[in-house]
């Protein structure tokens, strides 16, 4: 099985990038009184833990992207880059849902 990938311009293929992209932080100010509810505090803690896990997974795969690049393994590099993007997309989906449900759009940086 041939795992070589032919790319006309590998420097511009986003799947082969080896840059580090940290997961954006999420800091929201919820409406007054909600921070006193223990259930909501635990839910916020769980969400924070999920985002931390997603970030840690992305970092592992970012390291693997660099390893694959050093080995010349373009397929592995692209697959690992896909995992980085997937973990970041999952965190972004959580952030967007929270922002939408609590109508916190004004808190986002333009």
PDB file of N, CA and C in Angstrom:
ATOM      1  N   UNK A   1       0.856  -1.184   0.000  1.00  0.00           N
ATOM      2  CA  UNK A   1       0.000   0.000   0.000  1.00  0.00           C
ATOM      3  C   UNK A   1       0.893   1.236   0.000  1.00  0.00           C
ATOM      4  N   UNK A   2       0.658   2.121  -0.911  1.00  0.00           N
ATOM      5  CA  UNK A   2       1.439   3.342  -1.033  1.00  0.00           C
ATOM      6  C   UNK A   2       0.793   4.432  -0.190  1.00  0.00           C
ATOM      7  N   UNK A   3       1.564   5.011   0.751  1.00  0.00           N
ATOM      8  CA  UNK A   3       1.014   6.064   1.608  1.00  0.00           C
ATOM      9  C   UNK A   3       1.549   7.443   1.241  1.00  0.00           C
ATOM     10  N   UNK A   4       2.269   7.543   0.129  1.00  0.00           N
ATOM     11  CA  UNK A   4       2.773   8.847  -0.291  1.00  0.00           C
ATOM     12  C   UNK A   4       1.630   9.702  -0.810  1.00  0.00           C
ATOM     13  N   UNK A   5       1.711  10.976  -0.513  1.00  0.00           N
ATOM     14  CA  UNK A   5       0.711  11.925  -0.986  1.00  0.00           C
ATOM     15  C   UNK A   5       1.425  12.935  -1.857  1.00  0.00           C
ATOM     16  N   UNK A   6       0.924  13.125  -3.045  1.00  0.00           N
ATOM     17  CA  UNK A   6       1.492  14.116  -3.945  1.00  0.00           C
ATOM     18  C   UNK A   6       0.755  15.429  -3.750  1.00  0.00           C
ATOM     19  N   UNK A   7       1.520  16.473  -3.449  1.00  0.00           N
ATOM     20  CA  UNK A   7       0.941  17.795  -3.241  1.00  0.00           C
ATOM     21  C   UNK A   7       1.735  18.771  -4.083  1.00  0.00           C
ATOM     22  N   UNK A   8       1.021  19.543  -4.903  1.00  0.00           N
ATOM     23  CA  UNK A   8       1.691  20.498  -5.780  1.00  0.00           C
ATOM     24  C   UNK A   8       2.458  21.554  -4.996  1.00  0.00           C
ATOM     25  N   UNK A   9       1.860  22.052  -3.935  1.00  0.00           N
ATOM     26  CA  UNK A   9       2.488  23.112  -3.163  1.00  0.00           C
ATOM     27  C   UNK A   9       2.316  22.792  -1.677  1.00  0.00           C
ATOM     28  N   UNK A  10       3.168  21.932  -1.100  1.00  0.00           N
ATOM     29  CA  UNK A  10       2.969  21.490   0.281  1.00  0.00           C
ATOM     30  C   UNK A  10       3.042  22.613   1.303  1.00  0.00           C
ATOM     31  N   UNK A  11       3.717  23.700   0.986  1.00  0.00           N
ATOM     32  CA  UNK A  11       3.807  24.805   1.930  1.00  0.00           C
ATOM     33  C   UNK A  11       2.480  25.496   2.165  1.00  0.00           C
ATOM     34  N   UNK A  12       1.534  25.295   1.274  1.00  0.00           N
ATOM     35  CA  UNK A  12       0.237  25.953   1.409  1.00  0.00           C
ATOM     36  C   UNK A  12      -0.881  24.986   1.772  1.00  0.00           C
ATOM     37  N   UNK A  13      -0.556  23.735   1.990  1.00  0.00           N
ATOM     38  CA  UNK A  13      -1.581  22.764   2.368  1.00  0.00           C
ATOM     39  C   UNK A  13      -1.806  22.850   3.872  1.00  0.00           C
ATOM     40  N   UNK A  14      -2.986  23.274   4.327  1.00  0.00           N
ATOM     41  CA  UNK A  14      -3.211  23.454   5.758  1.00  0.00           C
ATOM     42  C   UNK A  14      -3.078  22.158   6.551  1.00  0.00           C
ATOM     43  N   UNK A  15      -3.284  21.019   5.922  1.00  0.00           N
ATOM     44  CA  UNK A  15      -3.174  19.751   6.637  1.00  0.00           C
ATOM     45  C   UNK A  15      -1.732  19.421   6.999  1.00  0.00           C
ATOM     46  N   UNK A  16      -0.779  20.076   6.352  1.00  0.00           N
ATOM     47  CA  UNK A  16       0.622  19.786   6.613  1.00  0.00           C
ATOM     48  C   UNK A  16       1.305  20.872   7.440  1.00  0.00           C
ATOM     49  N   UNK A  17       0.556  21.829   7.924  1.00  0.00           N
ATOM     50  CA  UNK A  17       1.151  22.870   8.756  1.00  0.00           C
ATOM     51  C   UNK A  17       1.620  22.270  10.075  1.00  0.00           C
ATOM     52  N   UNK A  18       2.703  22.781  10.590  1.00  0.00           N
ATOM     53  CA  UNK A  18       3.229  22.306  11.868  1.00  0.00           C
ATOM     54  C   UNK A  18       3.192  23.392  12.933  1.00  0.00           C
ATOM     55  N   UNK A  19       2.516  24.498  12.657  1.00  0.00           N
ATOM     56  CA  UNK A  19       2.421  25.590  13.624  1.00  0.00           C
ATOM     57  C   UNK A  19       1.650  25.127  14.858  1.00  0.00           C
ATOM     58  N   UNK A  20       1.935  25.756  15.975  1.00  0.00           N
ATOM     59  CA  UNK A  20       1.170  25.508  17.192  1.00  0.00           C
ATOM     60  C   UNK A  20      -0.011  26.463  17.223  1.00  0.00           C
ATOM     61  N   UNK A  21      -1.163  25.935  17.481  1.00  0.00           N
ATOM     62  CA  UNK A  21      -2.348  26.760  17.614  1.00  0.00           C
ATOM     63  C   UNK A  21      -3.010  26.409  18.924  1.00  0.00           C
ATOM     64  N   UNK A  22      -2.871  27.273  19.897  1.00  0.00           N
ATOM     65  CA  UNK A  22      -3.453  27.025  21.206  1.00  0.00           C
ATOM     66  C   UNK A  22      -4.962  27.222  21.147  1.00  0.00           C
ATOM     67  N   UNK A  23      -5.633  26.452  21.932  1.00  0.00           N
ATOM     68  CA  UNK A  23      -7.079  26.569  22.043  1.00  0.00           C
ATOM     69  C   UNK A  23      -7.400  27.914  22.690  1.00  0.00           C
ATOM     70  N   UNK A  24      -8.309  28.701  22.101  1.00  0.00           N
ATOM     71  CA  UNK A  24      -8.642  29.989  22.714  1.00  0.00           C
ATOM     72  C   UNK A  24      -9.242  29.788  24.104  1.00  0.00           C
ATOM     73  N   UNK A  25      -8.965  30.699  24.999  1.00  0.00           N
ATOM     74  CA  UNK A  25      -9.538  30.586  26.338  1.00  0.00           C
ATOM     75  C   UNK A  25     -10.995  31.043  26.302  1.00  0.00           C
ATOM     76  N   UNK A  26     -11.759  30.561  27.249  1.00  0.00           N
ATOM     77  CA  UNK A  26     -13.167  30.940  27.344  1.00  0.00           C
ATOM     78  C   UNK A  26     -13.393  31.547  28.720  1.00  0.00           C
ATOM     79  N   UNK A  27     -13.746  32.810  28.746  1.00  0.00           N
ATOM     80  CA  UNK A  27     -14.093  33.492  29.986  1.00  0.00           C
ATOM     81  C   UNK A  27     -15.387  34.228  29.734  1.00  0.00           C
ATOM     82  N   UNK A  28     -16.420  33.812  30.426  1.00  0.00           N
ATOM     83  CA  UNK A  28     -17.728  34.435  30.252  1.00  0.00           C
ATOM     84  C   UNK A  28     -18.216  34.978  31.582  1.00  0.00           C
ATOM     85  N   UNK A  29     -18.917  36.073  31.542  1.00  0.00           N
ATOM     86  CA  UNK A  29     -19.541  36.636  32.727  1.00  0.00           C
ATOM     87  C   UNK A  29     -21.032  36.362  32.604  1.00  0.00           C
ATOM     88  N   UNK A  30     -21.516  35.469  33.445  1.00  0.00           N
ATOM     89  CA  UNK A  30     -22.928  35.096  33.392  1.00  0.00           C
ATOM     90  C   UNK A  30     -23.773  36.107  34.152  1.00  0.00           C
ATOM     91  N   UNK A  31     -25.055  36.166  33.814  1.00  0.00           N
ATOM     92  CA  UNK A  31     -25.949  37.093  34.509  1.00  0.00           C
ATOM     93  C   UNK A  31     -25.915  36.872  36.024  1.00  0.00           C
ATOM     94  N   UNK A  32     -26.138  37.935  36.775  1.00  0.00           N
ATOM     95  CA  UNK A  32     -26.081  37.901  38.234  1.00  0.00           C
ATOM     96  C   UNK A  32     -26.910  36.798  38.864  1.00  0.00           C
ATOM     97  N   UNK A  33     -26.410  36.252  39.956  1.00  0.00           N
ATOM     98  CA  UNK A  33     -27.125  35.225  40.702  1.00  0.00           C
ATOM     99  C   UNK A  33     -26.848  33.809  40.244  1.00  0.00           C
ATOM    100  N   UNK A  34     -26.471  33.632  38.997  1.00  0.00           N
ATOM    101  CA  UNK A  34     -26.257  32.272  38.499  1.00  0.00           C
ATOM    102  C   UNK A  34     -25.016  31.627  39.102  1.00  0.00           C
ATOM    103  N   UNK A  35     -24.030  32.429  39.462  1.00  0.00           N
ATOM    104  CA  UNK A  35     -22.802  31.890  40.021  1.00  0.00           C
ATOM    105  C   UNK A  35     -22.971  31.306  41.406  1.00  0.00           C
ATOM    106  N   UNK A  36     -24.112  31.531  42.050  1.00  0.00           N
ATOM    107  CA  UNK A  36     -24.350  31.025  43.399  1.00  0.00           C
ATOM    108  C   UNK A  36     -24.980  29.638  43.380  1.00  0.00           C
ATOM    109  N   UNK A  37     -25.435  29.195  42.241  1.00  0.00           N
ATOM    110  CA  UNK A  37     -26.084  27.893  42.119  1.00  0.00           C
ATOM    111  C   UNK A  37     -25.017  26.797  42.014  1.00  0.00           C
ATOM    112  N   UNK A  38     -25.026  25.850  42.955  1.00  0.00           N
ATOM    113  CA  UNK A  38     -24.013  24.795  42.991  1.00  0.00           C
ATOM    114  C   UNK A  38     -24.065  23.914  41.746  1.00  0.00           C
ATOM    115  N   UNK A  39     -25.246  23.624  41.247  1.00  0.00           N
ATOM    116  CA  UNK A  39     -25.372  22.796  40.049  1.00  0.00           C
ATOM    117  C   UNK A  39     -24.747  23.492  38.855  1.00  0.00           C
ATOM    118  N   UNK A  40     -24.997  24.766  38.724  1.00  0.00           N
ATOM    119  CA  UNK A  40     -24.420  25.518  37.613  1.00  0.00           C
ATOM    120  C   UNK A  40     -22.904  25.617  37.753  1.00  0.00           C
ATOM    121  N   UNK A  41     -22.422  25.790  38.987  1.00  0.00           N
ATOM    122  CA  UNK A  41     -20.978  25.828  39.216  1.00  0.00           C
ATOM    123  C   UNK A  41     -20.325  24.501  38.808  1.00  0.00           C
ATOM    124  N   UNK A  42     -20.979  23.387  39.146  1.00  0.00           N
ATOM    125  CA  UNK A  42     -20.447  22.075  38.778  1.00  0.00           C
ATOM    126  C   UNK A  42     -20.485  21.875  37.266  1.00  0.00           C
ATOM    127  N   UNK A  43     -21.540  22.343  36.638  1.00  0.00           N
ATOM    128  CA  UNK A  43     -21.636  22.252  35.181  1.00  0.00           C
ATOM    129  C   UNK A  43     -20.523  23.068  34.529  1.00  0.00           C
ATOM    130  N   UNK A  44     -20.286  24.254  35.039  1.00  0.00           N
ATOM    131  CA  UNK A  44     -19.201  25.089  34.509  1.00  0.00           C
ATOM    132  C   UNK A  44     -17.853  24.397  34.709  1.00  0.00           C
ATOM    133  N   UNK A  45     -17.664  23.739  35.851  1.00  0.00           N
ATOM    134  CA  UNK A  45     -16.430  23.006  36.115  1.00  0.00           C
ATOM    135  C   UNK A  45     -16.281  21.844  35.122  1.00  0.00           C
ATOM    136  N   UNK A  46     -17.374  21.137  34.856  1.00  0.00           N
ATOM    137  CA  UNK A  46     -17.333  20.022  33.900  1.00  0.00           C
ATOM    138  C   UNK A  46     -16.984  20.525  32.503  1.00  0.00           C
ATOM    139  N   UNK A  47     -17.570  21.630  32.115  1.00  0.00           N
ATOM    140  CA  UNK A  47     -17.270  22.210  30.798  1.00  0.00           C
ATOM    141  C   UNK A  47     -15.798  22.604  30.729  1.00  0.00           C
ATOM    142  N   UNK A  48     -15.298  23.196  31.791  1.00  0.00           N
ATOM    143  CA  UNK A  48     -13.891  23.557  31.844  1.00  0.00           C
ATOM    144  C   UNK A  48     -12.988  22.341  31.717  1.00  0.00           C
ATOM    145  N   UNK A  49     -13.356  21.247  32.364  1.00  0.00           N
ATOM    146  CA  UNK A  49     -12.569  20.018  32.277  1.00  0.00           C
ATOM    147  C   UNK A  49     -12.586  19.445  30.867  1.00  0.00           C
ATOM    148  N   UNK A  50     -13.739  19.490  30.217  1.00  0.00           N
ATOM    149  CA  UNK A  50     -13.831  18.998  28.840  1.00  0.00           C
ATOM    150  C   UNK A  50     -12.940  19.834  27.929  1.00  0.00           C
ATOM    151  N   UNK A  51     -12.995  21.147  28.078  1.00  0.00           N
ATOM    152  CA  UNK A  51     -12.155  22.023  27.247  1.00  0.00           C
ATOM    153  C   UNK A  51     -10.673  21.773  27.513  1.00  0.00           C
ATOM    154  N   UNK A  52     -10.306  21.534  28.775  1.00  0.00           N
ATOM    155  CA  UNK A  52      -8.913  21.228  29.111  1.00  0.00           C
ATOM    156  C   UNK A  52      -8.479  19.933  28.440  1.00  0.00           C
ATOM    157  N   UNK A  53      -9.328  18.929  28.486  1.00  0.00           N
ATOM    158  CA  UNK A  53      -9.025  17.643  27.849  1.00  0.00           C
ATOM    159  C   UNK A  53      -8.862  17.810  26.344  1.00  0.00           C
ATOM    160  N   UNK A  54      -9.752  18.569  25.719  1.00  0.00           N
ATOM    161  CA  UNK A  54      -9.647  18.809  24.282  1.00  0.00           C
ATOM    162  C   UNK A  54      -8.345  19.518  23.944  1.00  0.00           C
ATOM    163  N   UNK A  55      -7.970  20.486  24.769  1.00  0.00           N
ATOM    164  CA  UNK A  55      -6.716  21.205  24.545  1.00  0.00           C
ATOM    165  C   UNK A  55      -5.519  20.276  24.702  1.00  0.00           C
ATOM    166  N   UNK A  56      -5.544  19.420  25.712  1.00  0.00           N
ATOM    167  CA  UNK A  56      -4.442  18.479  25.924  1.00  0.00           C
ATOM    168  C   UNK A  56      -4.321  17.508  24.748  1.00  0.00           C
ATOM    169  N   UNK A  57      -5.445  17.020  24.270  1.00  0.00           N
ATOM    170  CA  UNK A  57      -5.420  16.119  23.112  1.00  0.00           C
ATOM    171  C   UNK A  57      -4.854  16.829  21.884  1.00  0.00           C
ATOM    172  N   UNK A  58      -5.278  18.073  21.680  1.00  0.00           N
ATOM    173  CA  UNK A  58      -4.770  18.836  20.534  1.00  0.00           C
ATOM    174  C   UNK A  58      -3.261  19.011  20.641  1.00  0.00           C
ATOM    175  N   UNK A  59      -2.759  19.279  21.850  1.00  0.00           N
ATOM    176  CA  UNK A  59      -1.320  19.447  22.034  1.00  0.00           C
ATOM    177  C   UNK A  59      -0.554  18.162  21.722  1.00  0.00           C
ATOM    178  N   UNK A  60      -1.107  17.020  22.123  1.00  0.00           N
ATOM    179  CA  UNK A  60      -0.464  15.736  21.824  1.00  0.00           C
ATOM    180  C   UNK A  60      -0.371  15.547  20.312  1.00  0.00           C
ATOM    181  N   UNK A  61      -1.464  15.812  19.622  1.00  0.00           N
ATOM    182  CA  UNK A  61      -1.464  15.643  18.172  1.00  0.00           C
ATOM    183  C   UNK A  61      -0.603  16.692  17.470  1.00  0.00           C
ATOM    184  N   UNK A  62      -0.499  17.906  18.041  1.00  0.00           N
ATOM    185  CA  UNK A  62       0.402  18.902  17.463  1.00  0.00           C
ATOM    186  C   UNK A  62       1.842  18.404  17.517  1.00  0.00           C
ATOM    187  N   UNK A  63       2.215  17.773  18.627  1.00  0.00           N
ATOM    188  CA  UNK A  63       3.543  17.189  18.728  1.00  0.00           C
ATOM    189  C   UNK A  63       3.746  16.089  17.710  1.00  0.00           C
ATOM    190  N   UNK A  64       2.714  15.296  17.521  1.00  0.00           N
ATOM    191  CA  UNK A  64       2.790  14.209  16.545  1.00  0.00           C
ATOM    192  C   UNK A  64       2.879  14.757  15.121  1.00  0.00           C
ATOM    193  N   UNK A  65       2.227  15.884  14.839  1.00  0.00           N
ATOM    194  CA  UNK A  65       2.341  16.527  13.523  1.00  0.00           C
ATOM    195  C   UNK A  65       3.799  16.859  13.248  1.00  0.00           C
ATOM    196  N   UNK A  66       4.463  17.446  14.252  1.00  0.00           N
ATOM    197  CA  UNK A  66       5.884  17.803  14.083  1.00  0.00           C
ATOM    198  C   UNK A  66       6.755  16.559  13.901  1.00  0.00           C
ATOM    199  N   UNK A  67       6.455  15.504  14.665  1.00  0.00           N
ATOM    200  CA  UNK A  67       7.215  14.251  14.523  1.00  0.00           C
ATOM    201  C   UNK A  67       7.047  13.675  13.121  1.00  0.00           C
ATOM    202  N   UNK A  68       5.831  13.647  12.651  1.00  0.00           N
ATOM    203  CA  UNK A  68       5.564  13.115  11.310  1.00  0.00           C
ATOM    204  C   UNK A  68       6.244  13.965  10.244  1.00  0.00           C
ATOM    205  N   UNK A  69       6.248  15.282  10.443  1.00  0.00           N
ATOM    206  CA  UNK A  69       6.913  16.171   9.481  1.00  0.00           C
ATOM    207  C   UNK A  69       8.404  15.859   9.439  1.00  0.00           C
ATOM    208  N   UNK A  70       9.005  15.648  10.610  1.00  0.00           N
ATOM    209  CA  UNK A  70      10.434  15.346  10.671  1.00  0.00           C
ATOM    210  C   UNK A  70      10.753  13.999  10.015  1.00  0.00           C
ATOM    211  N   UNK A  71       9.815  13.075  10.105  1.00  0.00           N
ATOM    212  CA  UNK A  71       9.987  11.752   9.499  1.00  0.00           C
ATOM    213  C   UNK A  71       9.668  11.746   8.008  1.00  0.00           C
ATOM    214  N   UNK A  72       9.085  12.835   7.519  1.00  0.00           N
ATOM    215  CA  UNK A  72       8.651  12.884   6.125  1.00  0.00           C
ATOM    216  C   UNK A  72       7.357  12.121   5.886  1.00  0.00           C
ATOM    217  N   UNK A  73       6.631  11.834   6.942  1.00  0.00           N
ATOM    218  CA  UNK A  73       5.375  11.083   6.876  1.00  0.00           C
ATOM    219  C   UNK A  73       4.226  12.066   6.667  1.00  0.00           C
ATOM    220  N   UNK A  74       3.957  12.404   5.421  1.00  0.00           N
ATOM    221  CA  UNK A  74       2.933  13.405   5.106  1.00  0.00           C
ATOM    222  C   UNK A  74       1.530  12.916   5.439  1.00  0.00           C
ATOM    223  N   UNK A  75       1.276  11.642   5.244  1.00  0.00           N
ATOM    224  CA  UNK A  75      -0.048  11.116   5.575  1.00  0.00           C
ATOM    225  C   UNK A  75      -0.295  11.220   7.078  1.00  0.00           C
ATOM    226  N   UNK A  76       0.660  10.770   7.871  1.00  0.00           N
ATOM    227  CA  UNK A  76       0.530  10.875   9.323  1.00  0.00           C
ATOM    228  C   UNK A  76       0.400  12.313   9.769  1.00  0.00           C
ATOM    229  N   UNK A  77       1.168  13.184   9.127  1.00  0.00           N
ATOM    230  CA  UNK A  77       1.119  14.613   9.442  1.00  0.00           C
ATOM    231  C   UNK A  77      -0.281  15.160   9.191  1.00  0.00           C
ATOM    232  N   UNK A  78      -0.842  14.833   8.057  1.00  0.00           N
ATOM    233  CA  UNK A  78      -2.177  15.328   7.712  1.00  0.00           C
ATOM    234  C   UNK A  78      -3.244  14.745   8.645  1.00  0.00           C
ATOM    235  N   UNK A  79      -3.132  13.459   8.959  1.00  0.00           N
ATOM    236  CA  UNK A  79      -4.112  12.832   9.850  1.00  0.00           C
ATOM    237  C   UNK A  79      -4.050  13.425  11.255  1.00  0.00           C
ATOM    238  N   UNK A  80      -2.857  13.644  11.751  1.00  0.00           N
ATOM    239  CA  UNK A  80      -2.712  14.233  13.082  1.00  0.00           C
ATOM    240  C   UNK A  80      -3.183  15.682  13.096  1.00  0.00           C
ATOM    241  N   UNK A  81      -2.921  16.404  12.020  1.00  0.00           N
ATOM    242  CA  UNK A  81      -3.403  17.785  11.916  1.00  0.00           C
ATOM    243  C   UNK A  81      -4.929  17.805  11.935  1.00  0.00           C
ATOM    244  N   UNK A  82      -5.533  16.814  11.303  1.00  0.00           N
ATOM    245  CA  UNK A  82      -6.989  16.692  11.345  1.00  0.00           C
ATOM    246  C   UNK A  82      -7.505  16.504  12.764  1.00  0.00           C
ATOM    247  N   UNK A  83      -6.771  15.760  13.575  1.00  0.00           N
ATOM    248  CA  UNK A  83      -7.156  15.566  14.970  1.00  0.00           C
ATOM    249  C   UNK A  83      -7.034  16.871  15.761  1.00  0.00           C
ATOM    250  N   UNK A  84      -5.997  17.647  15.475  1.00  0.00           N
ATOM    251  CA  UNK A  84      -5.847  18.957  16.122  1.00  0.00           C
ATOM    252  C   UNK A  84      -7.061  19.819  15.792  1.00  0.00           C
ATOM    253  N   UNK A  85      -7.392  19.882  14.518  1.00  0.00           N
ATOM    254  CA  UNK A  85      -8.533  20.702  14.087  1.00  0.00           C
ATOM    255  C   UNK A  85      -9.844  20.195  14.686  1.00  0.00           C
ATOM    256  N   UNK A  86     -10.006  18.882  14.779  1.00  0.00           N
ATOM    257  CA  UNK A  86     -11.231  18.311  15.341  1.00  0.00           C
ATOM    258  C   UNK A  86     -11.387  18.670  16.814  1.00  0.00           C
ATOM    259  N   UNK A  87     -10.297  18.593  17.576  1.00  0.00           N
ATOM    260  CA  UNK A  87     -10.368  18.956  18.990  1.00  0.00           C
ATOM    261  C   UNK A  87     -10.671  20.436  19.167  1.00  0.00           C
ATOM    262  N   UNK A  88     -10.069  21.284  18.347  1.00  0.00           N
ATOM    263  CA  UNK A  88     -10.363  22.709  18.422  1.00  0.00           C
ATOM    264  C   UNK A  88     -11.803  22.999  18.009  1.00  0.00           C
ATOM    265  N   UNK A  89     -12.294  22.287  17.006  1.00  0.00           N
ATOM    266  CA  UNK A  89     -13.676  22.489  16.559  1.00  0.00           C
ATOM    267  C   UNK A  89     -14.667  22.066  17.647  1.00  0.00           C
ATOM    268  N   UNK A  90     -14.352  20.997  18.359  1.00  0.00           N
ATOM    269  CA  UNK A  90     -15.229  20.544  19.442  1.00  0.00           C
ATOM    270  C   UNK A  90     -15.319  21.613  20.536  1.00  0.00           C
ATOM    271  N   UNK A  91     -14.181  22.185  20.907  1.00  0.00           N
ATOM    272  CA  UNK A  91     -14.184  23.241  21.922  1.00  0.00           C
ATOM    273  C   UNK A  91     -14.945  24.467  21.426  1.00  0.00           C
ATOM    274  N   UNK A  92     -14.763  24.816  20.176  1.00  0.00           N
ATOM    275  CA  UNK A  92     -15.472  25.967  19.611  1.00  0.00           C
ATOM    276  C   UNK A  92     -16.979  25.739  19.610  1.00  0.00           C
ATOM    277  N   UNK A  93     -17.400  24.520  19.368  1.00  0.00           N
ATOM    278  CA  UNK A  93     -18.831  24.194  19.375  1.00  0.00           C
ATOM    279  C   UNK A  93     -19.409  24.373  20.769  1.00  0.00           C
ATOM    280  N   UNK A  94     -18.673  23.948  21.785  1.00  0.00           N
ATOM    281  CA  UNK A  94     -19.114  24.145  23.170  1.00  0.00           C
ATOM    282  C   UNK A  94     -19.225  25.639  23.466  1.00  0.00           C
ATOM    283  N   UNK A  95     -18.189  26.390  23.104  1.00  0.00           N
ATOM    284  CA  UNK A  95     -18.178  27.834  23.353  1.00  0.00           C
ATOM    285  C   UNK A  95     -19.347  28.532  22.665  1.00  0.00           C
ATOM    286  N   UNK A  96     -19.599  28.165  21.430  1.00  0.00           N
ATOM    287  CA  UNK A  96     -20.693  28.790  20.679  1.00  0.00           C
ATOM    288  C   UNK A  96     -22.047  28.461  21.291  1.00  0.00           C
ATOM    289  N   UNK A  97     -22.222  27.233  21.749  1.00  0.00           N
ATOM    290  CA  UNK A  97     -23.497  26.847  22.361  1.00  0.00           C
ATOM    291  C   UNK A  97     -23.740  27.637  23.645  1.00  0.00           C
ATOM    292  N   UNK A  98     -22.716  27.773  24.474  1.00  0.00           N
ATOM    293  CA  UNK A  98     -22.850  28.547  25.708  1.00  0.00           C
ATOM    294  C   UNK A  98     -23.156  30.000  25.382  1.00  0.00           C
ATOM    295  N   UNK A  99     -22.440  30.534  24.436  1.00  0.00           N
ATOM    296  CA  UNK A  99     -22.643  31.930  24.044  1.00  0.00           C
ATOM    297  C   UNK A  99     -24.057  32.139  23.527  1.00  0.00           C
ATOM    298  N   UNK A 100     -24.547  31.210  22.738  1.00  0.00           N
ATOM    299  CA  UNK A 100     -25.897  31.313  22.176  1.00  0.00           C
ATOM    300  C   UNK A 100     -26.966  31.186  23.258  1.00  0.00           C
ATOM    301  N   UNK A 101     -26.850  30.161  24.103  1.00  0.00           N
ATOM    302  CA  UNK A 101     -27.875  29.901  25.118  1.00  0.00           C
ATOM    303  C   UNK A 101     -28.006  31.063  26.103  1.00  0.00           C
ATOM    304  N   UNK A 102     -26.876  31.649  26.478  1.00  0.00           N
ATOM    305  CA  UNK A 102     -26.905  32.748  27.439  1.00  0.00           C
ATOM    306  C   UNK A 102     -26.897  34.127  26.770  1.00  0.00           C
ATOM    307  N   UNK A 103     -26.952  34.157  25.440  1.00  0.00           N
ATOM    308  CA  UNK A 103     -26.946  35.408  24.670  1.00  0.00           C
ATOM    309  C   UNK A 103     -25.802  36.323  25.129  1.00  0.00           C
ATOM    310  N   UNK A 104     -24.583  35.764  25.038  1.00  0.00           N
ATOM    311  CA  UNK A 104     -23.381  36.460  25.499  1.00  0.00           C
ATOM    312  C   UNK A 104     -22.530  36.979  24.348  1.00  0.00           C
ATOM    313  N   UNK A 105     -23.118  37.177  23.204  1.00  0.00           N
ATOM    314  CA  UNK A 105     -22.372  37.593  22.024  1.00  0.00           C
ATOM    315  C   UNK A 105     -21.612  38.894  22.242  1.00  0.00           C
ATOM    316  N   UNK A 106     -22.162  39.787  23.051  1.00  0.00           N
ATOM    317  CA  UNK A 106     -21.499  41.079  23.266  1.00  0.00           C
ATOM    318  C   UNK A 106     -20.171  40.943  23.995  1.00  0.00           C
ATOM    319  N   UNK A 107     -19.927  39.812  24.655  1.00  0.00           N
ATOM    320  CA  UNK A 107     -18.679  39.609  25.392  1.00  0.00           C
ATOM    321  C   UNK A 107     -17.544  39.127  24.498  1.00  0.00           C
ATOM    322  N   UNK A 108     -17.856  38.709  23.284  1.00  0.00           N
ATOM    323  CA  UNK A 108     -16.818  38.200  22.401  1.00  0.00           C
ATOM    324  C   UNK A 108     -16.047  39.334  21.785  1.00  0.00           C
ATOM    325  N   UNK A 109     -14.746  39.124  21.634  1.00  0.00           N
ATOM    326  CA  UNK A 109     -13.921  40.121  20.955  1.00  0.00           C
ATOM    327  C   UNK A 109     -14.260  40.107  19.474  1.00  0.00           C
ATOM    328  N   UNK A 110     -14.399  41.315  18.861  1.00  0.00           N
ATOM    329  CA  UNK A 110     -14.729  41.347  17.432  1.00  0.00           C
ATOM    330  C   UNK A 110     -13.592  40.841  16.576  1.00  0.00           C
TER     331      UNK A 110
END
